Amino acid sequence: MRAELRQACPPGGPASTARAAAPLTAGDICTRTVVFTDRGMMLAEAARLMHRHHVGSLVVVDERSPQERIVVGMLTDRDIAMAVAALERDPHAFRVGDTMSAEVATVRESDSVLDVLAMMRRKRVRRVPVTGGAGELIGLVALDDVLAIVAEQMQALGAAVGAAQSHELASTGAA
């Protein structure tokens, strides 16, 4: 049982980076503070870990070293509810590896936000681990992260349209 505590996205967020003209990537918007576990953790402990860190999912990894954690699955609160509570099973009798989704959808750090959204839609998930070239855990993108970025960009677009309209009215004397 571990909680990975690495720095989140660049200070100031994606909007303040110098990459304004380049498309945003999964690496730009991901959360790099990820709560993860291994397959051997008991489900009851995994549920407590989720509760303690206020998360609805855990990334399941095979830890080759403290710097190299390979993503092998995802465990959600829904997985636990469906495997244990709905079937009236003992959560102390099952491990994460018994219940996790092994066919985990992942995205690469360099994938565009549009690619991330396409993956989420295709796999019908709201969270995807961001991985490096060897499948190692880099971060996690949640649909909420993408929505926050889209909302920020829509607000900027609205401000630009408003400024253009004000400029146009001022230059024609219609103000």
C-alpha atoms as a PDB file:
ATOM      1  CA  MET A   1       0.000   0.000   0.000  1.00  0.00           C
ATOM      2  CA  ARG A   2       1.440   3.322  -1.057  1.00  0.00           C
ATOM      3  CA  ALA A   3       0.407   6.770  -2.135  1.00  0.00           C
ATOM      4  CA  GLU A   4       2.696   8.284  -4.705  1.00  0.00           C
ATOM      5  CA  LEU A   5       3.259  11.939  -3.959  1.00  0.00           C
ATOM      6  CA  ARG A   6       4.962  13.653  -6.840  1.00  0.00           C
ATOM      7  CA  GLN A   7       4.458  17.221  -7.984  1.00  0.00           C
ATOM      8  CA  ALA A   8       1.307  17.843  -9.944  1.00  0.00           C
ATOM      9  CA  CYS A   9       1.290  19.541 -13.341  1.00  0.00           C
ATOM     10  CA  PRO A  10       3.621  22.486 -14.012  1.00  0.00           C
ATOM     11  CA  PRO A  11       3.244  25.428 -11.598  1.00  0.00           C
ATOM     12  CA  GLY A  12       0.548  27.784 -12.810  1.00  0.00           C
ATOM     13  CA  GLY A  13      -1.235  25.065 -14.754  1.00  0.00           C
ATOM     14  CA  PRO A  14      -1.290  24.307 -18.457  1.00  0.00           C
ATOM     15  CA  ALA A  15      -2.700  27.689 -19.476  1.00  0.00           C
ATOM     16  CA  SER A  16       0.395  29.491 -18.233  1.00  0.00           C
ATOM     17  CA  THR A  17       2.908  27.371 -20.104  1.00  0.00           C
ATOM     18  CA  ALA A  18       4.771  28.668 -23.113  1.00  0.00           C
ATOM     19  CA  ARG A  19       3.209  25.961 -25.302  1.00  0.00           C
ATOM     20  CA  ALA A  20       0.150  28.072 -26.130  1.00  0.00           C
ATOM     21  CA  ALA A  21       0.227  27.220 -29.843  1.00  0.00           C
ATOM     22  CA  ALA A  22       0.829  23.483 -29.368  1.00  0.00           C
ATOM     23  CA  PRO A  23      -2.050  21.153 -28.520  1.00  0.00           C
ATOM     24  CA  LEU A  24      -2.346  20.249 -24.868  1.00  0.00           C
ATOM     25  CA  THR A  25      -1.213  16.743 -24.010  1.00  0.00           C
ATOM     26  CA  ALA A  26      -2.054  14.207 -21.334  1.00  0.00           C
ATOM     27  CA  GLY A  27       1.261  15.113 -19.690  1.00  0.00           C
ATOM     28  CA  ASP A  28       0.219  18.773 -19.543  1.00  0.00           C
ATOM     29  CA  ILE A  29      -3.045  18.162 -17.726  1.00  0.00           C
ATOM     30  CA  CYS A  30      -2.477  14.989 -15.726  1.00  0.00           C
ATOM     31  CA  THR A  31      -2.321  14.809 -11.980  1.00  0.00           C
ATOM     32  CA  ARG A  32       1.041  13.428 -10.974  1.00  0.00           C
ATOM     33  CA  THR A  33      -0.063  12.758  -7.427  1.00  0.00           C
ATOM     34  CA  VAL A  34      -1.457   9.261  -7.869  1.00  0.00           C
ATOM     35  CA  VAL A  35      -2.684   6.805  -5.267  1.00  0.00           C
ATOM     36  CA  PHE A  36      -1.629   3.319  -6.289  1.00  0.00           C
ATOM     37  CA  THR A  37      -1.352  -0.194  -4.961  1.00  0.00           C
ATOM     38  CA  ASP A  38      -0.236  -3.648  -5.989  1.00  0.00           C
ATOM     39  CA  ARG A  39      -2.292  -6.740  -6.781  1.00  0.00           C
ATOM     40  CA  GLY A  40      -1.626  -8.309  -3.379  1.00  0.00           C
ATOM     41  CA  MET A  41      -3.428  -5.764  -1.210  1.00  0.00           C
ATOM     42  CA  MET A  42      -6.620  -7.013   0.434  1.00  0.00           C
ATOM     43  CA  LEU A  43      -9.794  -5.343  -0.872  1.00  0.00           C
ATOM     44  CA  ALA A  44     -10.762  -4.061   2.563  1.00  0.00           C
ATOM     45  CA  GLU A  45      -7.407  -2.260   2.835  1.00  0.00           C
ATOM     46  CA  ALA A  46      -7.781  -0.922  -0.726  1.00  0.00           C
ATOM     47  CA  ALA A  47     -11.174   0.525   0.214  1.00  0.00           C
ATOM     48  CA  ARG A  48      -9.624   2.176   3.281  1.00  0.00           C
ATOM     49  CA  LEU A  49      -6.820   3.576   1.101  1.00  0.00           C
ATOM     50  CA  MET A  50      -9.388   5.096  -1.267  1.00  0.00           C
ATOM     51  CA  HIS A  51     -11.294   6.569   1.664  1.00  0.00           C
ATOM     52  CA  ARG A  52      -8.159   7.975   3.311  1.00  0.00           C
ATOM     53  CA  HIS A  53      -7.059   9.717   0.102  1.00  0.00           C
ATOM     54  CA  HIS A  54     -10.579  10.706  -1.054  1.00  0.00           C
ATOM     55  CA  VAL A  55     -10.269   8.931  -4.411  1.00  0.00           C
ATOM     56  CA  GLY A  56     -12.620   6.649  -6.312  1.00  0.00           C
ATOM     57  CA  SER A  57      -9.943   4.515  -7.903  1.00  0.00           C
ATOM     58  CA  LEU A  58      -6.490   3.078  -7.434  1.00  0.00           C
ATOM     59  CA  VAL A  59      -3.961   2.476 -10.160  1.00  0.00           C
ATOM     60  CA  VAL A  60      -2.606  -1.063  -9.772  1.00  0.00           C
ATOM     61  CA  VAL A  61       1.101  -1.410 -10.512  1.00  0.00           C
ATOM     62  CA  ASP A  62       3.909  -3.930 -10.553  1.00  0.00           C
ATOM     63  CA  GLU A  63       6.728  -2.130  -8.800  1.00  0.00           C
ATOM     64  CA  ARG A  64      10.068  -2.919 -10.423  1.00  0.00           C
ATOM     65  CA  SER A  65      11.770  -0.149  -8.457  1.00  0.00           C
ATOM     66  CA  PRO A  66      10.630   2.985  -6.610  1.00  0.00           C
ATOM     67  CA  GLN A  67      11.112   4.880  -9.875  1.00  0.00           C
ATOM     68  CA  GLU A  68       9.534   2.266 -12.147  1.00  0.00           C
ATOM     69  CA  ARG A  69       5.959   1.225 -11.537  1.00  0.00           C
ATOM     70  CA  ILE A  70       4.308  -0.564 -14.452  1.00  0.00           C
ATOM     71  CA  VAL A  71       0.536  -0.082 -14.762  1.00  0.00           C
ATOM     72  CA  VAL A  72      -1.242  -3.465 -14.720  1.00  0.00           C
ATOM     73  CA  GLY A  73      -4.786  -2.526 -13.761  1.00  0.00           C
ATOM     74  CA  MET A  74      -7.325  -0.201 -12.175  1.00  0.00           C
ATOM     75  CA  LEU A  75      -9.517  -0.766  -9.157  1.00  0.00           C
ATOM     76  CA  THR A  76     -12.563   1.443  -8.685  1.00  0.00           C
ATOM     77  CA  ASP A  77     -14.961   1.830  -5.818  1.00  0.00           C
ATOM     78  CA  ARG A  78     -17.582   0.400  -8.172  1.00  0.00           C
ATOM     79  CA  ASP A  79     -15.420  -2.713  -8.749  1.00  0.00           C
ATOM     80  CA  ILE A  80     -15.371  -3.274  -4.995  1.00  0.00           C
ATOM     81  CA  ALA A  81     -19.100  -2.668  -4.623  1.00  0.00           C
ATOM     82  CA  MET A  82     -19.980  -5.069  -7.447  1.00  0.00           C
ATOM     83  CA  ALA A  83     -17.550  -7.825  -6.396  1.00  0.00           C
ATOM     84  CA  VAL A  84     -18.127  -7.671  -2.661  1.00  0.00           C
ATOM     85  CA  ALA A  85     -21.177  -5.764  -1.468  1.00  0.00           C
ATOM     86  CA  ALA A  86     -23.557  -6.765  -4.260  1.00  0.00           C
ATOM     87  CA  LEU A  87     -22.679 -10.449  -3.864  1.00  0.00           C
ATOM     88  CA  GLU A  88     -22.411 -10.310  -0.045  1.00  0.00           C
ATOM     89  CA  ARG A  89     -18.798 -11.488  -0.039  1.00  0.00           C
ATOM     90  CA  ASP A  90     -16.164 -10.893   2.612  1.00  0.00           C
ATOM     91  CA  PRO A  91     -13.812  -8.077   1.496  1.00  0.00           C
ATOM     92  CA  HIS A  92     -11.079  -9.649   3.644  1.00  0.00           C
ATOM     93  CA  ALA A  93     -11.153 -12.762   1.470  1.00  0.00           C
ATOM     94  CA  PHE A  94     -10.227 -11.031  -1.797  1.00  0.00           C
ATOM     95  CA  ARG A  95      -7.187  -9.217  -3.073  1.00  0.00           C
ATOM     96  CA  VAL A  96      -6.968  -6.309  -5.479  1.00  0.00           C
ATOM     97  CA  GLY A  97      -5.712  -8.682  -8.179  1.00  0.00           C
ATOM     98  CA  ASP A  98      -8.929 -10.725  -7.889  1.00  0.00           C
ATOM     99  CA  THR A  99     -11.162  -7.735  -8.562  1.00  0.00           C
ATOM    100  CA  MET A 100      -9.223  -5.148 -10.581  1.00  0.00           C
ATOM    101  CA  SER A 101      -9.806  -4.415 -14.243  1.00  0.00           C
ATOM    102  CA  ALA A 102      -6.739  -5.900 -15.908  1.00  0.00           C
ATOM    103  CA  GLU A 103      -7.547  -4.517 -19.347  1.00  0.00           C
ATOM    104  CA  VAL A 104      -6.760  -0.978 -18.292  1.00  0.00           C
ATOM    105  CA  ALA A 105      -7.022   1.850 -20.797  1.00  0.00           C
ATOM    106  CA  THR A 106      -3.911   4.024 -20.699  1.00  0.00           C
ATOM    107  CA  VAL A 107      -2.665   7.041 -22.606  1.00  0.00           C
ATOM    108  CA  ARG A 108       0.871   8.215 -23.273  1.00  0.00           C
ATOM    109  CA  GLU A 109       2.211  11.424 -21.829  1.00  0.00           C
ATOM    110  CA  SER A 110       2.470  12.866 -25.367  1.00  0.00           C
ATOM    111  CA  ASP A 111      -1.115  11.981 -26.416  1.00  0.00           C
ATOM    112  CA  SER A 112      -3.264  15.015 -27.172  1.00  0.00           C
ATOM    113  CA  VAL A 113      -6.236  15.897 -25.003  1.00  0.00           C
ATOM    114  CA  LEU A 114      -8.454  14.951 -27.948  1.00  0.00           C
ATOM    115  CA  ASP A 115      -6.815  11.497 -27.986  1.00  0.00           C
ATOM    116  CA  VAL A 116      -7.450  11.219 -24.239  1.00  0.00           C
ATOM    117  CA  LEU A 117     -11.122  12.093 -24.704  1.00  0.00           C
ATOM    118  CA  ALA A 118     -11.435   9.603 -27.568  1.00  0.00           C
ATOM    119  CA  MET A 119      -9.920   6.860 -25.399  1.00  0.00           C
ATOM    120  CA  MET A 120     -12.240   7.687 -22.498  1.00  0.00           C
ATOM    121  CA  ARG A 121     -15.258   7.616 -24.791  1.00  0.00           C
ATOM    122  CA  ARG A 122     -14.212   4.403 -26.548  1.00  0.00           C
ATOM    123  CA  LYS A 123     -13.432   2.540 -23.301  1.00  0.00           C
ATOM    124  CA  ARG A 124     -16.279   4.183 -21.344  1.00  0.00           C
ATOM    125  CA  VAL A 125     -14.046   5.321 -18.489  1.00  0.00           C
ATOM    126  CA  ARG A 126     -13.629   8.601 -16.612  1.00  0.00           C
ATOM    127  CA  ARG A 127     -10.034   8.113 -15.492  1.00  0.00           C
ATOM    128  CA  VAL A 128      -6.995   6.881 -17.399  1.00  0.00           C
ATOM    129  CA  PRO A 129      -3.435   6.371 -16.213  1.00  0.00           C
ATOM    130  CA  VAL A 130      -0.788   8.281 -18.134  1.00  0.00           C
ATOM    131  CA  THR A 131       2.201   6.093 -18.927  1.00  0.00           C
ATOM    132  CA  GLY A 132       5.705   6.482 -20.257  1.00  0.00           C
ATOM    133  CA  GLY A 133       7.296   4.487 -23.047  1.00  0.00           C
ATOM    134  CA  ALA A 134       7.752   1.327 -20.966  1.00  0.00           C
ATOM    135  CA  GLY A 135       4.248   1.433 -19.472  1.00  0.00           C
ATOM    136  CA  GLU A 136       5.457   3.086 -16.269  1.00  0.00           C
ATOM    137  CA  LEU A 137       3.036   5.232 -14.290  1.00  0.00           C
ATOM    138  CA  ILE A 138       3.453   8.971 -14.923  1.00  0.00           C
ATOM    139  CA  GLY A 139       0.115  10.344 -13.754  1.00  0.00           C
ATOM    140  CA  LEU A 140      -3.644  10.132 -14.041  1.00  0.00           C
ATOM    141  CA  VAL A 141      -6.106  12.089 -16.187  1.00  0.00           C
ATOM    142  CA  ALA A 142      -9.683  12.335 -14.997  1.00  0.00           C
ATOM    143  CA  LEU A 143     -12.571  13.612 -17.075  1.00  0.00           C
ATOM    144  CA  ASP A 144     -12.857  16.442 -14.532  1.00  0.00           C
ATOM    145  CA  ASP A 145      -9.301  17.547 -15.456  1.00  0.00           C
ATOM    146  CA  VAL A 146     -10.270  17.763 -19.117  1.00  0.00           C
ATOM    147  CA  LEU A 147     -13.507  19.608 -18.323  1.00  0.00           C
ATOM    148  CA  ALA A 148     -11.608  22.182 -16.244  1.00  0.00           C
ATOM    149  CA  ILE A 149      -9.251  22.864 -19.158  1.00  0.00           C
ATOM    150  CA  VAL A 150     -12.120  23.120 -21.657  1.00  0.00           C
ATOM    151  CA  ALA A 151     -13.992  25.506 -19.333  1.00  0.00           C
ATOM    152  CA  GLU A 152     -10.864  27.664 -18.974  1.00  0.00           C
ATOM    153  CA  GLN A 153     -10.400  27.765 -22.742  1.00  0.00           C
ATOM    154  CA  MET A 154     -14.070  28.575 -23.327  1.00  0.00           C
ATOM    155  CA  GLN A 155     -13.810  31.448 -20.852  1.00  0.00           C
ATOM    156  CA  ALA A 156     -10.740  32.768 -22.692  1.00  0.00           C
ATOM    157  CA  LEU A 157     -12.586  32.439 -26.006  1.00  0.00           C
ATOM    158  CA  GLY A 158     -15.560  34.360 -24.617  1.00  0.00           C
ATOM    159  CA  ALA A 159     -13.255  37.118 -23.355  1.00  0.00           C
ATOM    160  CA  ALA A 160     -11.571  37.348 -26.763  1.00  0.00           C
ATOM    161  CA  VAL A 161     -14.917  37.615 -28.563  1.00  0.00           C
ATOM    162  CA  GLY A 162     -16.096  40.270 -26.098  1.00  0.00           C
ATOM    163  CA  ALA A 163     -12.899  42.275 -26.518  1.00  0.00           C
ATOM    164  CA  ALA A 164     -13.164  42.088 -30.308  1.00  0.00           C
ATOM    165  CA  GLN A 165     -16.778  43.263 -30.200  1.00  0.00           C
ATOM    166  CA  SER A 166     -15.872  46.159 -27.886  1.00  0.00           C
ATOM    167  CA  HIS A 167     -13.009  47.151 -30.173  1.00  0.00           C
ATOM    168  CA  GLU A 168     -15.256  46.986 -33.219  1.00  0.00           C
ATOM    169  CA  LEU A 169     -17.936  49.127 -31.586  1.00  0.00           C
ATOM    170  CA  ALA A 170     -15.346  51.666 -30.398  1.00  0.00           C
ATOM    171  CA  SER A 171     -13.718  51.939 -33.821  1.00  0.00           C
ATOM    172  CA  THR A 172     -17.034  52.504 -35.627  1.00  0.00           C
ATOM    173  CA  GLY A 173     -18.224  55.095 -33.136  1.00  0.00           C
ATOM    174  CA  ALA A 174     -21.278  53.050 -32.242  1.00  0.00           C
ATOM    175  CA  ALA A 175     -20.382  52.929 -28.552  1.00  0.00           C
END
